[in-house]
Structures are given as structure tokens and as C-alpha cells.
């Protein structure tokens, strides 16, 4: 690989569901993924996606997984709120989420490879009104297991 190869744009493919996907290939097959952005129906906002896949693109099962996340977004968030509050209370004792959708907005979603179970995936969120604060929720299958606050 020559010096100019380092500055090439990553290749893209067109996916009928997700649109334009930017390929991020690595020697380690488990780390290969696509990046893209699109409208997240539950919030009607554009978010980023990381889709763990090989060079052929997302699978039908991954598209179905994404549709399931959209359809069950409110349930997933309700399950995560106690973990989020617990994490935030380490710095702010009285922290309580009054209206999640007004206080936070989803910024990205990772769609995992679906060959292995349980499924490990995550969603990240920004604090509305304070862009310096964001958090990531790790899920195992469809249960939130950990929150990372930045």
C-alpha cells in the first residue's frame, strides 16, 4: 500500500433499505462494518448507524433487527431508564428522568452480526440542551445491561 492509498475515500455500496453505506474494512473480519445515517422512525430524526457486516452488506435479518428496534423503541428505553438514572446519580444525587424523549435524543445505533447469541449491541444518546453529555447503553439481546456516561 502506497502513501496515497491512505487518503482514499472508503468504498460505498447502495443498500435498498439503508441507502448509501460506507465500508470500513479491517484485516480482522470481526471488526468490519458499514457506516451510514438515516431517519430513525420513532424520533423522526437522522441518526448514525454502525452495521457490523462483511463486504456484501447487511443481511435481511439485520434489516429485520433494525425494524424490531424501531417498533420496540419505547419499551427498550423504559427498560433502560433505571440504569441511566442510577449512573447519573453517581454525580447528581437527585437526578430523575421526567420525560426521556424531551431530555435525550438518540444519536447512533449499532446493528450487530446476528450469527451469535446473545446479541450484543448498543445505542448512544445526547443530552438535549447539553451537547457535552452523552451516554451509551449496552444491550444483551433486548435487555439493557450497562450505561456509560461521558
N, C-alpha and C. Protein backbone atom coordinates (compact mmCIF):
# COMPACT_ATOMS: atom_id res chain seq x y z
N UNK A 1 0.85 -1.17 0.00
CA UNK A 1 0.00 0.00 0.00
C UNK A 1 0.89 1.23 0.00
N UNK A 2 0.63 2.15 -0.93
CA UNK A 2 1.39 3.37 -1.03
C UNK A 2 0.83 4.46 -0.15
N UNK A 3 1.56 5.55 -0.06
CA UNK A 3 1.16 6.68 0.77
C UNK A 3 -0.21 7.22 0.37
N UNK A 4 -0.48 7.33 -0.93
CA UNK A 4 -1.75 7.90 -1.37
C UNK A 4 -2.93 7.00 -1.09
N UNK A 5 -2.68 5.71 -0.91
CA UNK A 5 -3.76 4.78 -0.56
C UNK A 5 -4.37 5.13 0.80
N UNK A 6 -3.59 5.76 1.65
CA UNK A 6 -4.08 6.13 2.97
C UNK A 6 -5.16 7.21 2.90
N UNK A 7 -5.18 7.98 1.81
CA UNK A 7 -6.11 9.10 1.69
C UNK A 7 -7.31 8.81 0.81
N UNK A 8 -7.44 7.58 0.36
CA UNK A 8 -8.60 7.22 -0.46
C UNK A 8 -9.86 7.23 0.39
N UNK A 9 -10.95 7.60 -0.24
CA UNK A 9 -12.24 7.52 0.45
C UNK A 9 -12.62 6.05 0.59
N UNK A 10 -13.23 5.70 1.72
CA UNK A 10 -13.68 4.32 1.87
C UNK A 10 -14.73 4.00 0.79
N UNK A 11 -14.73 2.78 0.27
CA UNK A 11 -15.72 2.42 -0.74
C UNK A 11 -17.14 2.45 -0.17
N UNK A 12 -18.10 2.65 -1.05
CA UNK A 12 -19.50 2.66 -0.63
C UNK A 12 -20.30 1.66 -1.45
N UNK A 13 -21.40 1.23 -0.88
CA UNK A 13 -22.36 0.40 -1.62
C UNK A 13 -23.75 1.00 -1.39
N UNK A 14 -24.67 0.65 -2.25
CA UNK A 14 -26.07 1.07 -2.10
C UNK A 14 -26.86 -0.10 -1.54
N UNK A 15 -27.51 0.12 -0.44
CA UNK A 15 -28.36 -0.89 0.16
C UNK A 15 -29.81 -0.46 -0.06
N UNK A 16 -30.68 -1.38 -0.48
CA UNK A 16 -32.06 -0.99 -0.76
C UNK A 16 -32.83 -0.50 0.46
N UNK A 17 -32.38 -0.86 1.65
CA UNK A 17 -33.07 -0.48 2.88
C UNK A 17 -32.39 0.71 3.56
N UNK A 18 -31.07 0.63 3.75
CA UNK A 18 -30.32 1.65 4.49
C UNK A 18 -29.78 2.78 3.62
N UNK A 19 -29.73 2.60 2.32
CA UNK A 19 -29.20 3.63 1.43
C UNK A 19 -27.70 3.47 1.23
N UNK A 20 -26.98 4.59 1.16
CA UNK A 20 -25.54 4.56 0.92
C UNK A 20 -24.81 4.15 2.19
N UNK A 21 -24.00 3.10 2.06
CA UNK A 21 -23.22 2.58 3.19
C UNK A 21 -21.74 2.75 2.89
N UNK A 22 -20.99 3.27 3.85
CA UNK A 22 -19.54 3.43 3.72
C UNK A 22 -18.86 2.25 4.40
N UNK A 23 -18.05 1.54 3.65
CA UNK A 23 -17.38 0.32 4.11
C UNK A 23 -16.15 0.66 4.93
N UNK A 24 -16.03 0.04 6.09
CA UNK A 24 -14.88 0.21 6.95
C UNK A 24 -14.27 -1.18 7.16
N UNK A 25 -13.36 -1.55 6.28
CA UNK A 25 -12.78 -2.89 6.30
C UNK A 25 -11.51 -2.95 7.14
N UNK A 26 -11.32 -4.07 7.80
CA UNK A 26 -10.14 -4.33 8.60
C UNK A 26 -9.68 -5.75 8.33
N UNK A 27 -8.44 -6.05 8.66
CA UNK A 27 -7.95 -7.42 8.47
C UNK A 27 -8.73 -8.39 9.35
N UNK A 28 -9.04 -7.97 10.56
CA UNK A 28 -9.82 -8.80 11.48
C UNK A 28 -11.29 -8.75 11.03
N UNK A 29 -11.79 -9.86 10.52
CA UNK A 29 -13.16 -9.91 9.97
C UNK A 29 -14.22 -9.49 10.98
N UNK A 30 -13.98 -9.74 12.26
CA UNK A 30 -14.99 -9.41 13.28
C UNK A 30 -15.13 -7.90 13.48
N UNK A 31 -14.19 -7.12 12.96
CA UNK A 31 -14.23 -5.67 13.15
C UNK A 31 -14.73 -4.92 11.92
N UNK A 32 -15.08 -5.62 10.87
CA UNK A 32 -15.54 -4.97 9.64
C UNK A 32 -16.98 -4.49 9.82
N UNK A 33 -17.24 -3.30 9.29
CA UNK A 33 -18.59 -2.75 9.44
C UNK A 33 -18.86 -1.70 8.37
N UNK A 34 -20.10 -1.29 8.30
CA UNK A 34 -20.53 -0.19 7.44
C UNK A 34 -21.00 0.95 8.32
N UNK A 35 -20.83 2.17 7.83
CA UNK A 35 -21.36 3.36 8.48
C UNK A 35 -22.39 3.99 7.56
N UNK A 36 -23.41 4.53 8.14
CA UNK A 36 -24.39 5.28 7.36
C UNK A 36 -25.22 6.11 8.33
N UNK A 37 -26.13 6.87 7.79
CA UNK A 37 -27.07 7.60 8.62
C UNK A 37 -28.43 7.54 7.95
N UNK A 38 -29.45 7.72 8.75
CA UNK A 38 -30.79 7.67 8.20
C UNK A 38 -31.82 8.10 9.24
N UNK A 39 -33.04 8.18 8.79
CA UNK A 39 -34.16 8.59 9.63
C UNK A 39 -34.55 7.45 10.57
N UNK A 40 -34.55 7.76 11.87
CA UNK A 40 -34.99 6.79 12.88
C UNK A 40 -36.45 7.10 13.16
N UNK A 41 -37.33 6.23 12.72
CA UNK A 41 -38.77 6.49 12.73
C UNK A 41 -39.34 6.90 14.09
N UNK A 42 -38.94 6.27 15.21
CA UNK A 42 -39.56 6.64 16.49
C UNK A 42 -39.32 8.10 16.90
N UNK A 43 -38.19 8.66 16.48
CA UNK A 43 -37.88 10.04 16.86
C UNK A 43 -37.98 11.02 15.69
N UNK A 44 -38.12 10.47 14.50
CA UNK A 44 -38.18 11.29 13.27
C UNK A 44 -36.94 12.17 13.13
N UNK A 45 -35.80 11.65 13.56
CA UNK A 45 -34.53 12.37 13.44
C UNK A 45 -33.50 11.49 12.76
N UNK A 46 -32.53 12.13 12.13
CA UNK A 46 -31.45 11.40 11.49
C UNK A 46 -30.45 10.97 12.55
N UNK A 47 -30.08 9.69 12.52
CA UNK A 47 -29.08 9.17 13.44
C UNK A 47 -28.02 8.42 12.64
N UNK A 48 -26.92 8.10 13.29
CA UNK A 48 -25.86 7.31 12.67
C UNK A 48 -26.05 5.84 12.95
N UNK A 49 -25.59 5.02 12.01
CA UNK A 49 -25.67 3.57 12.17
C UNK A 49 -24.29 2.97 11.95
N UNK A 50 -23.98 1.98 12.75
CA UNK A 50 -22.85 1.10 12.51
C UNK A 50 -23.47 -0.27 12.30
N UNK A 51 -23.22 -0.84 11.14
CA UNK A 51 -23.78 -2.14 10.81
C UNK A 51 -22.62 -3.12 10.67
N UNK A 52 -22.48 -4.01 11.63
CA UNK A 52 -21.41 -4.99 11.60
C UNK A 52 -21.74 -6.02 10.53
N UNK A 53 -20.89 -6.09 9.49
CA UNK A 53 -21.18 -6.98 8.37
C UNK A 53 -19.92 -7.20 7.54
N UNK A 54 -20.00 -8.16 6.63
CA UNK A 54 -18.90 -8.33 5.69
C UNK A 54 -19.16 -7.44 4.48
N UNK A 55 -18.28 -7.49 3.50
CA UNK A 55 -18.32 -6.55 2.37
C UNK A 55 -19.58 -6.67 1.52
N UNK A 56 -20.32 -7.75 1.65
CA UNK A 56 -21.53 -7.89 0.84
C UNK A 56 -22.68 -7.04 1.37
N UNK A 57 -22.56 -6.53 2.58
CA UNK A 57 -23.58 -5.65 3.13
C UNK A 57 -24.46 -6.29 4.17
N UNK A 58 -25.42 -5.53 4.68
CA UNK A 58 -26.32 -6.03 5.72
C UNK A 58 -27.17 -7.21 5.22
N UNK A 59 -27.54 -8.05 6.15
CA UNK A 59 -28.39 -9.19 5.83
C UNK A 59 -29.86 -8.82 6.02
N UNK A 60 -30.72 -9.65 5.49
CA UNK A 60 -32.16 -9.47 5.71
C UNK A 60 -32.46 -9.50 7.20
N UNK A 61 -31.81 -10.40 7.92
CA UNK A 61 -32.03 -10.50 9.37
C UNK A 61 -31.62 -9.20 10.07
N UNK A 62 -30.55 -8.55 9.62
CA UNK A 62 -30.14 -7.28 10.23
C UNK A 62 -31.16 -6.18 9.95
N UNK A 63 -31.74 -6.18 8.78
CA UNK A 63 -32.78 -5.20 8.47
C UNK A 63 -33.99 -5.44 9.37
N UNK A 64 -34.34 -6.71 9.58
CA UNK A 64 -35.46 -7.05 10.45
C UNK A 64 -35.16 -6.68 11.90
N UNK A 65 -33.92 -6.89 12.33
CA UNK A 65 -33.49 -6.49 13.67
C UNK A 65 -33.71 -4.99 13.85
N UNK A 66 -33.28 -4.20 12.88
CA UNK A 66 -33.45 -2.75 12.94
C UNK A 66 -34.93 -2.37 13.01
N UNK A 67 -35.75 -3.00 12.23
CA UNK A 67 -37.19 -2.72 12.26
C UNK A 67 -37.78 -3.07 13.62
N UNK A 68 -37.29 -4.15 14.22
CA UNK A 68 -37.74 -4.54 15.56
C UNK A 68 -37.36 -3.45 16.58
N UNK A 69 -36.14 -2.94 16.48
CA UNK A 69 -35.69 -1.88 17.40
C UNK A 69 -36.60 -0.66 17.27
N UNK A 70 -36.89 -0.27 16.05
CA UNK A 70 -37.78 0.88 15.84
C UNK A 70 -39.16 0.63 16.44
N UNK A 71 -39.71 -0.55 16.19
CA UNK A 71 -41.06 -0.87 16.67
C UNK A 71 -41.13 -0.97 18.19
N UNK A 72 -40.01 -1.32 18.82
CA UNK A 72 -39.99 -1.53 20.27
C UNK A 72 -39.14 -0.50 21.01
N UNK A 73 -38.86 0.60 20.38
CA UNK A 73 -38.00 1.64 20.95
C UNK A 73 -38.48 2.09 22.33
N UNK A 74 -39.77 2.39 22.46
CA UNK A 74 -40.29 2.88 23.74
C UNK A 74 -40.10 1.87 24.85
N UNK A 75 -40.32 0.60 24.57
CA UNK A 75 -40.15 -0.46 25.57
C UNK A 75 -38.68 -0.58 25.97
N UNK A 76 -37.79 -0.53 24.99
CA UNK A 76 -36.35 -0.63 25.27
C UNK A 76 -35.89 0.53 26.15
N UNK A 77 -36.38 1.73 25.86
CA UNK A 77 -36.00 2.90 26.65
C UNK A 77 -36.55 2.80 28.07
N UNK A 78 -37.79 2.39 28.21
CA UNK A 78 -38.37 2.23 29.56
C UNK A 78 -37.54 1.26 30.39
N UNK A 79 -37.06 0.20 29.78
CA UNK A 79 -36.22 -0.76 30.50
C UNK A 79 -34.89 -0.14 30.90
N UNK A 80 -34.39 0.80 30.09
CA UNK A 80 -33.07 1.38 30.33
C UNK A 80 -33.08 2.54 31.32
N UNK A 81 -34.21 3.19 31.50
CA UNK A 81 -34.27 4.38 32.36
C UNK A 81 -33.72 4.13 33.76
N UNK A 82 -34.07 3.05 34.45
CA UNK A 82 -33.48 2.84 35.79
C UNK A 82 -31.95 2.77 35.77
N UNK A 83 -31.37 2.15 34.74
CA UNK A 83 -29.90 2.09 34.64
C UNK A 83 -29.31 3.48 34.40
N UNK A 84 -29.97 4.26 33.56
CA UNK A 84 -29.49 5.61 33.25
C UNK A 84 -29.54 6.46 34.51
N UNK A 85 -30.66 6.43 35.23
CA UNK A 85 -30.80 7.22 36.45
C UNK A 85 -29.75 6.81 37.48
N UNK A 86 -29.53 5.53 37.63
CA UNK A 86 -28.54 5.04 38.60
C UNK A 86 -27.15 5.58 38.25
N UNK A 87 -26.80 5.55 36.98
CA UNK A 87 -25.48 6.03 36.56
C UNK A 87 -25.34 7.53 36.78
N UNK A 88 -26.34 8.30 36.40
CA UNK A 88 -26.29 9.75 36.58
C UNK A 88 -26.28 10.15 38.05
N UNK A 89 -26.92 9.36 38.91
CA UNK A 89 -26.99 9.70 40.35
C UNK A 89 -25.63 9.60 41.03
N UNK A 90 -24.67 9.00 40.39
CA UNK A 90 -23.33 8.98 40.97
C UNK A 90 -22.76 10.39 41.06
N UNK A 91 -23.19 11.28 40.15
CA UNK A 91 -22.74 12.67 40.16
C UNK A 91 -23.81 13.64 40.63
N UNK A 92 -25.07 13.30 40.39
CA UNK A 92 -26.19 14.18 40.75
C UNK A 92 -27.20 13.36 41.53
N UNK A 93 -27.15 13.47 42.86
CA UNK A 93 -27.95 12.62 43.74
C UNK A 93 -29.43 12.59 43.43
N UNK A 94 -29.99 13.71 43.09
CA UNK A 94 -31.44 13.83 42.89
C UNK A 94 -31.88 13.61 41.43
N UNK A 95 -30.99 13.12 40.60
CA UNK A 95 -31.31 13.01 39.17
C UNK A 95 -32.50 12.08 38.92
N UNK A 96 -33.45 12.56 38.14
CA UNK A 96 -34.62 11.77 37.75
C UNK A 96 -35.01 12.17 36.34
N UNK A 97 -35.30 11.20 35.51
CA UNK A 97 -35.76 11.47 34.16
C UNK A 97 -37.26 11.70 34.20
N UNK A 98 -37.68 12.89 33.80
CA UNK A 98 -39.11 13.22 33.78
C UNK A 98 -39.74 12.83 32.46
N UNK A 99 -39.07 13.17 31.36
CA UNK A 99 -39.58 12.87 30.03
C UNK A 99 -38.39 12.56 29.14
N UNK A 100 -38.10 11.28 29.00
CA UNK A 100 -36.90 10.85 28.29
C UNK A 100 -36.78 11.50 26.91
N UNK A 101 -37.88 11.49 26.16
CA UNK A 101 -37.83 11.98 24.77
C UNK A 101 -37.55 13.48 24.68
N UNK A 102 -37.83 14.23 25.74
CA UNK A 102 -37.53 15.66 25.75
C UNK A 102 -36.14 15.94 26.31
N UNK A 103 -35.63 15.02 27.12
CA UNK A 103 -34.35 15.24 27.78
C UNK A 103 -33.16 14.65 27.03
N UNK A 104 -33.42 13.65 26.18
CA UNK A 104 -32.35 12.96 25.47
C UNK A 104 -32.77 12.67 24.04
N UNK A 105 -31.78 12.61 23.16
CA UNK A 105 -32.09 12.20 21.79
C UNK A 105 -31.09 11.15 21.34
N UNK A 106 -31.60 10.15 20.65
CA UNK A 106 -30.75 9.07 20.16
C UNK A 106 -29.83 9.63 19.07
N UNK A 107 -28.56 9.25 19.12
CA UNK A 107 -27.61 9.75 18.12
C UNK A 107 -27.05 8.63 17.25
N UNK A 108 -26.98 7.40 17.78
CA UNK A 108 -26.48 6.31 16.95
C UNK A 108 -26.97 4.96 17.46
N UNK A 109 -26.86 3.99 16.58
CA UNK A 109 -27.31 2.62 16.86
C UNK A 109 -26.34 1.67 16.18
N UNK A 110 -25.91 0.65 16.90
CA UNK A 110 -25.09 -0.40 16.32
C UNK A 110 -25.96 -1.61 16.04
N UNK A 111 -25.90 -2.09 14.82
CA UNK A 111 -26.63 -3.29 14.42
C UNK A 111 -25.61 -4.42 14.35
N UNK A 112 -25.72 -5.40 15.25
CA UNK A 112 -24.68 -6.42 15.35
C UNK A 112 -24.79 -7.49 14.26
N UNK A 113 -23.72 -8.26 14.17
CA UNK A 113 -23.80 -9.50 13.38
C UNK A 113 -24.76 -10.40 14.15
N UNK A 114 -25.57 -11.13 13.47
CA UNK A 114 -26.61 -11.89 14.15
C UNK A 114 -26.32 -13.38 14.23
N UNK A 115 -25.09 -13.77 13.89
CA UNK A 115 -24.74 -15.20 13.92
C UNK A 115 -24.65 -15.75 15.33
N UNK A 116 -24.23 -14.92 16.27
CA UNK A 116 -24.01 -15.39 17.64
C UNK A 116 -25.08 -14.85 18.57
N UNK A 117 -25.42 -15.65 19.56
CA UNK A 117 -26.32 -15.18 20.60
C UNK A 117 -25.63 -15.38 21.94
N UNK A 118 -25.89 -14.56 22.92
CA UNK A 118 -26.81 -13.43 22.86
C UNK A 118 -26.27 -12.32 21.96
N UNK A 119 -27.17 -11.44 21.53
CA UNK A 119 -26.80 -10.32 20.68
C UNK A 119 -26.28 -9.17 21.53
N UNK A 120 -25.08 -8.71 21.24
CA UNK A 120 -24.51 -7.55 21.92
C UNK A 120 -24.57 -6.36 20.98
N UNK A 121 -25.25 -5.30 21.40
CA UNK A 121 -25.41 -4.12 20.57
C UNK A 121 -25.58 -2.90 21.47
N UNK A 122 -25.61 -1.71 20.89
CA UNK A 122 -25.72 -0.50 21.71
C UNK A 122 -26.44 0.62 20.98
N UNK A 123 -26.87 1.58 21.78
CA UNK A 123 -27.45 2.83 21.30
C UNK A 123 -26.78 3.96 22.07
N UNK A 124 -26.51 5.08 21.40
CA UNK A 124 -25.96 6.23 22.11
C UNK A 124 -26.94 7.39 22.04
N UNK A 125 -26.86 8.24 23.05
CA UNK A 125 -27.79 9.35 23.22
C UNK A 125 -27.04 10.61 23.62
N UNK A 126 -27.60 11.74 23.25
CA UNK A 126 -27.08 13.04 23.67
C UNK A 126 -28.09 13.67 24.62
N UNK A 127 -27.58 14.43 25.56
CA UNK A 127 -28.44 15.18 26.46
C UNK A 127 -28.92 16.43 25.72
N UNK A 128 -30.22 16.61 25.63
CA UNK A 128 -30.78 17.79 24.97
C UNK A 128 -30.45 19.02 25.82
N UNK A 129 -29.90 20.03 25.21
CA UNK A 129 -29.54 21.25 25.93
C UNK A 129 -28.14 21.23 26.50
N UNK A 130 -27.49 20.08 26.49
CA UNK A 130 -26.12 19.98 26.98
C UNK A 130 -25.39 18.96 26.12
N UNK A 131 -24.94 19.41 24.94
CA UNK A 131 -24.32 18.51 23.98
C UNK A 131 -23.02 17.88 24.48
N UNK A 132 -22.50 18.37 25.59
CA UNK A 132 -21.27 17.80 26.13
C UNK A 132 -21.52 16.46 26.82
N UNK A 133 -22.78 16.20 27.17
CA UNK A 133 -23.09 14.96 27.86
C UNK A 133 -23.77 13.98 26.92
N UNK A 134 -23.22 12.79 26.88
CA UNK A 134 -23.86 11.73 26.11
C UNK A 134 -23.65 10.42 26.85
N UNK A 135 -24.44 9.45 26.49
CA UNK A 135 -24.27 8.15 27.11
C UNK A 135 -24.55 7.05 26.10
N UNK A 136 -24.03 5.90 26.41
CA UNK A 136 -24.16 4.72 25.58
C UNK A 136 -24.82 3.64 26.42
N UNK A 137 -25.83 3.00 25.86
CA UNK A 137 -26.48 1.88 26.54
C UNK A 137 -26.08 0.59 25.83
N UNK A 138 -25.47 -0.33 26.57
CA UNK A 138 -25.16 -1.66 26.05
C UNK A 138 -26.36 -2.56 26.28
N UNK A 139 -26.72 -3.31 25.25
CA UNK A 139 -27.82 -4.27 25.34
C UNK A 139 -27.28 -5.67 25.11
N UNK A 140 -27.86 -6.62 25.80
CA UNK A 140 -27.64 -8.04 25.53
C UNK A 140 -29.00 -8.56 25.13
N UNK A 141 -29.10 -9.01 23.89
CA UNK A 141 -30.39 -9.27 23.27
C UNK A 141 -31.20 -7.97 23.37
N UNK A 142 -32.30 -7.98 24.07
CA UNK A 142 -33.12 -6.76 24.14
C UNK A 142 -33.25 -6.25 25.57
N UNK A 143 -32.23 -6.57 26.38
CA UNK A 143 -32.19 -6.11 27.76
C UNK A 143 -31.00 -5.17 27.94
N UNK A 144 -31.23 -3.97 28.49
CA UNK A 144 -30.10 -3.08 28.76
C UNK A 144 -29.28 -3.66 29.91
N UNK A 145 -27.95 -3.66 29.74
CA UNK A 145 -27.11 -4.25 30.78
C UNK A 145 -26.15 -3.25 31.41
N UNK A 146 -25.84 -2.17 30.68
CA UNK A 146 -24.87 -1.22 31.22
C UNK A 146 -25.04 0.13 30.53
N UNK A 147 -24.76 1.20 31.29
CA UNK A 147 -24.79 2.55 30.75
C UNK A 147 -23.42 3.18 30.98
N UNK A 148 -22.88 3.80 29.94
CA UNK A 148 -21.62 4.53 30.02
C UNK A 148 -21.93 6.00 29.81
N UNK A 149 -21.59 6.84 30.78
CA UNK A 149 -21.87 8.28 30.69
C UNK A 149 -20.57 9.02 30.43
N UNK A 150 -20.60 9.94 29.50
CA UNK A 150 -19.43 10.78 29.19
C UNK A 150 -19.76 12.22 29.49
